[in-house]
């Protein structure tokens, strides 16, 4: 218990020391909260903003478990940052408009910003692949491509993540 907040694991059991990957794969909530305490609220919130989260994030222990409401576009942007090896581009729907003669009359010029280093993005993606391949997100696995994501059981949307060919 921390300041009256007591996170619980879905299994309701204590597993002792586990790796960050195993904790994420098995949804061991206590590890997520402990990591947030060790890192601090401000750095975690700042990283989320750099990855595309614009909604206000509450500096509370439950932040580690996704308690703050964010919209789908923000969540997609954050996962897209991981897929782009730590580079974030503003989410957009139209990249180019041609007139009836095929001439470009509009072309978006989005310059990606480095949100986190490529190694951290790759390691995070690898850990999220474990959620799908060995953990709570198994229903999202695809036979012909990699899938990485995190199960959101409290939300009606199911699993959020990315799929495709990931950098090693």
Protein backbone atom coordinates (compact mmCIF):
# COMPACT_ATOMS: atom_id res chain seq x y z
CA UNK A 1 0.00 0.00 0.00
CA UNK A 2 1.29 3.47 -0.92
CA UNK A 3 -0.44 6.57 0.46
CA UNK A 4 -3.68 4.61 0.80
CA UNK A 5 -3.49 3.19 -2.74
CA UNK A 6 -3.22 -0.58 -3.02
CA UNK A 7 -2.76 -1.96 -6.54
CA UNK A 8 -3.63 -5.62 -7.04
CA UNK A 9 -2.61 -8.15 -9.64
CA UNK A 10 -5.38 -9.89 -11.56
CA UNK A 11 -4.07 -13.24 -10.29
CA UNK A 12 -4.29 -11.98 -6.68
CA UNK A 13 -0.99 -13.78 -5.97
CA UNK A 14 2.51 -12.56 -5.19
CA UNK A 15 5.14 -13.82 -7.63
CA UNK A 16 8.28 -12.34 -6.10
CA UNK A 17 10.92 -10.76 -8.35
CA UNK A 18 9.98 -10.72 -12.03
CA UNK A 19 11.47 -9.04 -15.08
CA UNK A 20 9.78 -5.97 -16.56
CA UNK A 21 8.87 -8.05 -19.65
CA UNK A 22 7.25 -10.80 -17.55
CA UNK A 23 5.39 -8.20 -15.49
CA UNK A 24 3.99 -6.57 -18.63
CA UNK A 25 3.18 -9.92 -20.25
CA UNK A 26 1.30 -11.14 -17.18
CA UNK A 27 -0.29 -7.78 -16.25
CA UNK A 28 1.40 -7.67 -12.88
CA UNK A 29 0.09 -4.28 -11.83
CA UNK A 30 2.22 -3.90 -8.71
CA UNK A 31 5.37 -3.77 -10.86
CA UNK A 32 3.91 -1.01 -13.04
CA UNK A 33 3.06 1.09 -9.98
CA UNK A 34 6.48 0.44 -8.40
CA UNK A 35 8.15 1.55 -11.65
CA UNK A 36 6.08 4.74 -11.68
CA UNK A 37 7.12 5.45 -8.09
CA UNK A 38 10.80 4.86 -8.93
CA UNK A 39 10.74 6.99 -12.11
CA UNK A 40 8.40 9.71 -10.85
CA UNK A 41 5.16 11.20 -12.13
CA UNK A 42 6.65 14.12 -14.04
CA UNK A 43 9.05 12.10 -16.26
CA UNK A 44 6.31 9.57 -17.08
CA UNK A 45 3.81 12.30 -17.96
CA UNK A 46 6.44 14.15 -20.03
CA UNK A 47 7.27 10.95 -21.98
CA UNK A 48 3.58 10.37 -22.67
CA UNK A 49 3.30 13.91 -24.03
CA UNK A 50 6.35 13.44 -26.26
CA UNK A 51 4.74 10.27 -27.64
CA UNK A 52 1.50 12.06 -28.54
CA UNK A 53 -0.73 12.07 -25.47
CA UNK A 54 -2.38 15.50 -25.20
CA UNK A 55 -5.11 14.78 -22.66
CA UNK A 56 -4.40 15.77 -19.06
CA UNK A 57 -2.76 12.97 -17.08
CA UNK A 58 -3.41 12.80 -13.36
CA UNK A 59 -0.26 12.44 -11.26
CA UNK A 60 -1.61 9.50 -9.26
CA UNK A 61 -0.32 5.97 -8.69
CA UNK A 62 -3.13 4.56 -10.82
CA UNK A 63 -1.61 6.40 -13.82
CA UNK A 64 0.66 3.35 -14.21
CA UNK A 65 -2.44 1.27 -14.90
CA UNK A 66 -3.99 3.59 -17.47
CA UNK A 67 -6.46 5.40 -15.22
CA UNK A 68 -6.31 8.68 -17.15
CA UNK A 69 -8.70 9.00 -20.08
CA UNK A 70 -7.05 9.49 -23.48
CA UNK A 71 -8.66 9.36 -26.89
CA UNK A 72 -8.02 6.79 -29.59
CA UNK A 73 -6.04 9.18 -31.79
CA UNK A 74 -3.63 9.92 -28.93
CA UNK A 75 -3.21 6.25 -28.12
CA UNK A 76 -2.62 5.47 -31.79
CA UNK A 77 -0.01 8.23 -31.95
CA UNK A 78 1.83 6.82 -28.93
CA UNK A 79 1.92 3.28 -30.36
CA UNK A 80 2.90 4.73 -33.73
CA UNK A 81 5.91 6.33 -32.06
CA UNK A 82 7.06 2.88 -30.96
CA UNK A 83 6.51 1.49 -34.46
CA UNK A 84 8.57 4.36 -35.91
CA UNK A 85 11.53 3.50 -33.67
CA UNK A 86 10.89 6.40 -31.31
CA UNK A 87 10.10 9.06 -33.92
CA UNK A 88 6.74 10.77 -33.55
CA UNK A 89 4.82 12.47 -36.32
CA UNK A 90 1.60 14.35 -35.80
CA UNK A 91 -1.34 12.08 -36.61
CA UNK A 92 -2.94 13.07 -39.89
CA UNK A 93 -5.41 11.75 -42.42
CA UNK A 94 -4.50 13.54 -45.63
CA UNK A 95 -0.95 13.52 -46.93
CA UNK A 96 -1.49 14.74 -50.47
CA UNK A 97 -4.24 16.24 -52.64
CA UNK A 98 -4.14 16.19 -56.43
CA UNK A 99 -6.25 18.24 -58.77
CA UNK A 100 -8.06 16.62 -61.68
CA UNK A 101 -4.92 16.93 -63.83
CA UNK A 102 -2.78 15.05 -61.35
CA UNK A 103 -0.96 18.13 -60.10
CA UNK A 104 -0.20 18.24 -56.39
CA UNK A 105 -2.16 21.10 -54.82
CA UNK A 106 -1.44 20.12 -51.21
CA UNK A 107 1.22 17.95 -49.68
CA UNK A 108 1.70 17.55 -45.95
CA UNK A 109 5.20 18.11 -44.71
CA UNK A 110 5.29 16.41 -41.36
CA UNK A 111 8.68 16.32 -39.75
CA UNK A 112 9.02 13.58 -37.15
CA UNK A 113 10.37 14.46 -33.72
CA UNK A 114 12.48 12.12 -31.62
CA UNK A 115 10.29 11.16 -28.64
CA UNK A 116 12.54 8.39 -27.30
CA UNK A 117 15.66 6.62 -28.46
CA UNK A 118 15.34 3.79 -30.97
CA UNK A 119 16.67 1.17 -28.54
CA UNK A 120 14.03 2.03 -25.92
CA UNK A 121 11.30 1.92 -28.56
CA UNK A 122 12.55 -1.46 -29.80
CA UNK A 123 12.76 -2.93 -26.30
CA UNK A 124 9.28 -1.66 -25.45
CA UNK A 125 7.89 -3.15 -28.67
CA UNK A 126 9.59 -6.46 -27.87
CA UNK A 127 8.01 -6.47 -24.41
CA UNK A 128 4.59 -5.66 -25.91
CA UNK A 129 5.01 -8.55 -28.36
CA UNK A 130 5.25 -10.77 -25.29
CA UNK A 131 1.82 -9.59 -24.16
CA UNK A 132 0.35 -10.96 -27.39
CA UNK A 133 2.57 -14.03 -27.84
CA UNK A 134 2.69 -15.30 -24.25
CA UNK A 135 0.35 -13.17 -22.19
CA UNK A 136 -3.02 -11.56 -21.74
CA UNK A 137 -3.32 -10.32 -25.35
CA UNK A 138 -3.17 -13.70 -27.06
CA UNK A 139 -6.50 -13.21 -28.86
CA UNK A 140 -4.87 -10.46 -30.97
CA UNK A 141 -2.13 -12.72 -32.37
CA UNK A 142 -1.92 -13.01 -36.16
CA UNK A 143 -0.32 -16.01 -37.88
CA UNK A 144 1.46 -14.04 -40.61
CA UNK A 145 2.86 -10.98 -38.83
CA UNK A 146 4.10 -9.67 -35.52
CA UNK A 147 1.65 -8.04 -33.14
CA UNK A 148 2.57 -5.99 -30.10
CA UNK A 149 0.05 -4.49 -27.72
CA UNK A 150 -1.47 -4.12 -24.31
CA UNK A 151 -4.80 -5.48 -23.19
CA UNK A 152 -7.22 -2.86 -21.90
CA UNK A 153 -9.83 -4.95 -20.05
CA UNK A 154 -11.55 -1.94 -18.47
CA UNK A 155 -12.23 -0.38 -21.85
CA UNK A 156 -14.61 -1.72 -24.44
CA UNK A 157 -11.99 -1.52 -27.23
CA UNK A 158 -10.03 -4.60 -26.11
CA UNK A 159 -6.36 -4.51 -27.10
CA UNK A 160 -4.36 -1.56 -28.36
CA UNK A 161 -1.12 -1.95 -30.19
CA UNK A 162 0.71 -2.27 -33.46
CA UNK A 163 1.32 -4.99 -36.01
CA UNK A 164 3.70 -5.55 -38.88
CA UNK A 165 7.41 -6.10 -39.19
CA UNK A 166 9.28 -4.76 -36.18
CA UNK A 167 12.92 -3.73 -36.02
CA UNK A 168 15.14 -6.13 -34.10
